[in-house]
Structures are given as structure tokens and as C-alpha cells.
Amino acid sequence: MKPIRIIALIALCINLMACSLFSQPQELPKFPLFSPRDFPQALQVTQLVSSQVNDLPQVLIASWSIEESKMKLVGLTATGQELLRLEYDGKKLKEFYSPLLSVPIEGRIVLSQIQLAYWPLDKIEAELETSAWQVVEKESHRQITFNGHLITSIKALEDDVEPKEYSQSWPHLLISNPILKQEITIKTLDVGKLHE
């Protein structure tokens, strides 16, 4: 398969996750974003993100970090070509998208999915307290709802250990988006602490 075609398929995969929610009969508000200051430590995480579009598996390398009260994310192809770069300081979201992308990506949703998976529950609950969004944590997974409707489910995937409670340190997550009929698998490759 030609590299350009692979890049286009990866972009389509991310775009489906980012844009399809807004094409529903009732328009959803913007996905919530949380302050990088609410994350308990400065670190850098490298992950392998896998999903499927039209029965074709897609792979993206994502590297995100929390440092100096900023959250940064870079999305790369398997060959290391940059597809997107995001930076959020708790107020403003800066976005860069490579010309290699054939369809637009909603960076806000990309960051929101990561934050909903890894941010401390009490910080998420405090931010969403007066909104229609809600995060429910049950044993080994989180469920994100909007006005009582399930939007996203985040669950740990562990081959050897049955998780008893939710933990941001789980190395393998499955993010299911029923409204999109899509599943995304995130496998953490490396975690490094940063010093602010």
C-alpha cells in the first residue's frame, strides 16, 4: 500500500472520531478540556494508537507531555512523519496540521479523549459539575456520558492481571465510541518523568 494512501486512511480514522459526533441529530457541545495544572506530575508519554476504518487496521504514534502547565501532543505516522501538533495551556488551544492530512481533524476531541482517560477523577468531576457531561468510574473502566447517553467507554486491557480499580498507569486501554461504532486501542510504549 502506498504511503500517501496509508496517511490518508490514518487521517480519516482520526477525523471520524473527531467529527462524527457533531453530525448527530442533536448537536453536542465542545468536548471538555481540563487544565494541565490538574495533572499530578510532569511527564512525557509515547503511545501506539490502533483503530479500524472499513475493516482496515490503522496505526498512529502519539507522544504527549505535561510540563510547565502545558499539555503538548504530536501525532506521527509509523515512519515518523508529523501529522499534527497540539498545545494547550488551560485556556488556549494551539493547533498545527500537516498538509499530508487529506481531511481536517478536531484536535480538541483528540486531547479531550486523552484527558478523560488519564486525568484524576476528582479534577474531572469538579470541572464537569455544572455541565451535561458526566464521568462514571466503575472498577476497571470509565464511562463518559452526555445528558445520560453513553459517549465513550474507557477500559483497561490486561492479559495477566485483573485490575480491581481504575488507574492512570495502566499500559493498555480500549476506548470505545458507541456513537461512532469505533474502537481505539492505546498501548503505552514509554513513560518518562519531566522536571519543571
Protein backbone atom coordinates (compact mmCIF):
# COMPACT_ATOMS: atom_id res chain seq x y z
CA MET A 1 0.00 0.00 0.00
CA LYS A 2 1.38 3.45 -0.95
CA PRO A 3 2.49 5.78 1.92
CA ILE A 4 0.12 8.56 0.82
CA ARG A 5 -2.82 6.15 0.94
CA ILE A 6 -1.82 4.98 4.43
CA ILE A 7 -1.59 8.58 5.65
CA ALA A 8 -4.99 9.36 4.18
CA LEU A 9 -6.54 6.35 5.93
CA ILE A 10 -4.99 7.33 9.27
CA ALA A 11 -6.31 10.85 8.86
CA LEU A 12 -9.76 9.52 8.00
CA CYS A 13 -9.71 7.37 11.13
CA ILE A 14 -8.94 10.32 13.41
CA ASN A 15 -11.43 12.52 11.59
CA LEU A 16 -14.22 10.01 12.10
CA MET A 17 -13.62 10.11 15.83
CA ALA A 18 -13.40 13.88 15.86
CA CYS A 19 -16.19 14.92 13.52
CA SER A 20 -18.92 12.28 13.52
CA LEU A 21 -20.16 13.27 16.97
CA PHE A 22 -21.21 16.63 15.59
CA SER A 23 -23.23 15.12 12.76
CA GLN A 24 -25.74 13.54 15.13
CA PRO A 25 -29.37 14.81 15.10
CA GLN A 26 -28.77 16.72 18.35
CA GLU A 27 -25.55 18.73 18.21
CA LEU A 28 -23.19 18.07 21.09
CA PRO A 29 -21.25 20.89 22.74
CA LYS A 30 -17.50 21.03 22.55
CA PHE A 31 -15.73 18.20 24.32
CA PRO A 32 -14.38 19.31 27.70
CA LEU A 33 -10.73 20.16 28.21
CA PHE A 34 -9.04 20.20 31.60
CA SER A 35 -6.20 22.30 32.92
CA PRO A 36 -2.72 20.75 32.59
CA ARG A 37 -2.15 22.06 36.13
CA ASP A 38 -4.63 19.43 37.34
CA PHE A 39 -2.37 16.59 36.24
CA PRO A 40 -0.33 15.36 39.23
CA GLN A 41 3.12 15.26 37.62
CA ALA A 42 5.25 16.44 34.70
CA LEU A 43 5.83 13.60 32.27
CA GLN A 44 6.11 12.50 28.65
CA VAL A 45 4.16 9.55 27.28
CA THR A 46 4.68 7.72 23.98
CA GLN A 47 1.83 5.51 22.79
CA LEU A 48 0.80 3.29 19.92
CA VAL A 49 -2.75 4.10 18.84
CA SER A 50 -4.60 1.49 16.75
CA SER A 51 -8.08 1.68 15.24
CA GLN A 52 -10.07 0.38 12.33
CA VAL A 53 -11.75 2.04 9.36
CA ASN A 54 -13.65 -0.08 6.86
CA ASP A 55 -12.03 -3.23 8.30
CA LEU A 56 -8.55 -1.79 7.66
CA PRO A 57 -6.33 -1.53 10.76
CA GLN A 58 -4.71 1.87 11.24
CA VAL A 59 -1.73 2.77 13.42
CA LEU A 60 -0.61 6.15 14.77
CA ILE A 61 2.23 7.01 17.14
CA ALA A 62 1.22 9.65 19.69
CA SER A 63 3.61 11.44 22.03
CA TRP A 64 2.10 13.75 24.65
CA SER A 65 3.60 15.60 27.58
CA ILE A 66 2.68 17.72 30.58
CA GLU A 67 5.28 20.33 31.50
CA GLU A 68 5.31 23.95 32.64
CA SER A 69 1.50 23.98 32.88
CA LYS A 70 1.15 23.00 29.23
CA MET A 71 -0.06 19.86 27.51
CA LYS A 72 1.56 19.07 24.17
CA LEU A 73 0.75 16.28 21.72
CA VAL A 74 2.40 15.21 18.48
CA GLY A 75 0.86 12.61 16.16
CA LEU A 76 3.19 10.70 13.84
CA THR A 77 2.88 8.11 11.12
CA ALA A 78 4.57 4.76 11.66
CA THR A 79 7.51 6.13 9.63
CA GLY A 80 7.86 9.23 11.82
CA GLN A 81 6.18 11.87 9.65
CA GLU A 82 4.38 14.53 11.70
CA LEU A 83 0.63 14.67 11.11
CA LEU A 84 -0.49 17.00 13.86
CA ARG A 85 0.80 19.03 16.77
CA LEU A 86 -1.36 20.37 19.61
CA GLU A 87 -0.59 22.58 22.61
CA TYR A 88 -2.99 23.51 25.42
CA ASP A 89 -2.24 25.80 28.37
CA GLY A 90 -5.61 25.56 30.12
CA LYS A 91 -7.05 28.49 28.18
CA LYS A 92 -5.89 28.46 24.57
CA LEU A 93 -5.52 25.51 22.21
CA LYS A 94 -2.86 25.86 19.51
CA GLU A 95 -3.18 23.51 16.56
CA PHE A 96 -0.96 22.54 13.63
CA TYR A 97 -1.97 20.05 10.97
CA SER A 98 0.30 18.65 8.29
CA PRO A 99 -0.60 19.15 4.61
CA LEU A 100 -0.31 15.36 4.42
CA LEU A 101 -3.74 15.19 6.06
CA SER A 102 -6.42 14.94 3.43
CA VAL A 103 -9.27 15.63 5.89
CA PRO A 104 -9.49 18.04 8.86
CA ILE A 105 -9.02 16.81 12.43
CA GLU A 106 -10.68 18.20 15.55
CA GLY A 107 -7.71 18.47 17.90
CA ARG A 108 -9.92 19.38 20.85
CA ILE A 109 -11.57 15.96 20.78
CA VAL A 110 -8.21 14.21 20.49
CA LEU A 111 -6.91 15.97 23.63
CA SER A 112 -10.20 15.51 25.46
CA GLN A 113 -10.16 11.73 24.95
CA ILE A 114 -6.66 11.54 26.42
CA GLN A 115 -7.55 13.74 29.38
CA LEU A 116 -10.76 11.81 30.11
CA ALA A 117 -8.68 8.63 30.19
CA TYR A 118 -5.76 9.83 32.32
CA TRP A 119 -6.77 12.86 34.42
CA PRO A 120 -7.62 12.36 38.13
CA LEU A 121 -11.33 11.67 38.58
CA ASP A 122 -11.85 14.37 41.21
CA LYS A 123 -10.44 17.04 38.87
CA ILE A 124 -12.71 15.89 36.03
CA GLU A 125 -15.78 15.82 38.28
CA ALA A 126 -15.08 19.31 39.61
CA GLU A 127 -14.79 20.72 36.07
CA LEU A 128 -17.92 18.96 34.78
CA GLU A 129 -20.07 19.55 37.86
CA THR A 130 -22.40 22.09 36.25
CA SER A 131 -22.38 20.61 32.73
CA ALA A 132 -24.32 17.89 30.94
CA TRP A 133 -21.16 15.77 30.82
CA GLN A 134 -20.50 13.11 33.45
CA VAL A 135 -17.74 10.59 34.08
CA VAL A 136 -18.60 7.43 35.99
CA GLU A 137 -15.76 5.26 37.24
CA LYS A 138 -16.53 1.60 37.94
CA GLU A 139 -13.76 -0.77 38.89
CA SER A 140 -11.67 -1.24 35.73
CA HIS A 141 -13.22 1.37 33.46
CA ARG A 142 -14.62 4.86 32.99
CA GLN A 143 -17.81 5.79 31.17
CA ILE A 144 -18.35 9.27 29.76
CA THR A 145 -21.96 10.34 29.22
CA PHE A 146 -23.70 13.43 27.90
CA ASN A 147 -27.25 14.04 29.14
CA GLY A 148 -27.31 10.41 30.27
CA HIS A 149 -26.25 8.98 26.88
CA LEU A 150 -23.06 6.93 26.70
CA ILE A 151 -20.48 8.68 24.52
CA THR A 152 -17.21 6.98 25.40
CA SER A 153 -16.12 3.96 27.41
CA ILE A 154 -12.50 3.57 28.56
CA LYS A 155 -11.40 0.17 29.81
CA ALA A 156 -8.12 -1.40 30.86
CA LEU A 157 -6.77 -4.31 28.87
CA GLU A 158 -4.53 -6.55 30.96
CA ASP A 159 -3.54 -10.06 29.93
CA ASP A 160 -2.00 -11.18 33.21
CA VAL A 161 -3.63 -9.04 35.89
CA GLU A 162 -7.33 -8.45 36.50
CA PRO A 163 -7.49 -4.77 37.50
CA LYS A 164 -9.53 -4.07 40.63
CA GLU A 165 -9.72 -0.30 40.33
CA TYR A 166 -9.14 2.38 37.74
CA SER A 167 -5.56 3.54 37.35
CA GLN A 168 -3.98 6.11 35.05
CA SER A 169 -0.86 3.95 34.94
CA TRP A 170 -2.47 1.10 33.02
CA PRO A 171 -0.33 0.46 29.94
CA HIS A 172 -3.11 -0.82 27.66
CA LEU A 173 -6.50 0.85 27.17
CA LEU A 174 -9.52 0.27 24.95
CA ILE A 175 -11.56 3.37 24.09
CA SER A 176 -14.98 2.54 22.67
CA ASN A 177 -17.16 5.17 20.99
CA PRO A 178 -20.59 3.54 20.53
CA ILE A 179 -21.99 6.59 18.76
CA LEU A 180 -19.25 6.18 16.12
CA LYS A 181 -19.22 2.37 16.18
CA GLN A 182 -15.48 2.62 16.65
CA GLU A 183 -12.87 1.16 18.96
CA ILE A 184 -9.41 2.57 19.60
CA THR A 185 -6.65 0.68 21.36
CA ILE A 186 -3.91 2.63 23.14
CA LYS A 187 -0.72 0.87 24.18
CA THR A 188 1.80 2.84 26.20
CA LEU A 189 5.33 2.34 24.92
CA ASP A 190 7.23 4.65 27.24
CA VAL A 191 6.62 6.98 30.18
CA GLY A 192 9.27 9.41 31.37
CA LYS A 193 9.07 11.94 34.20
CA LEU A 194 10.00 15.53 33.40
CA HIS A 195 11.36 18.14 35.77
CA GLU A 196 9.73 21.51 35.66
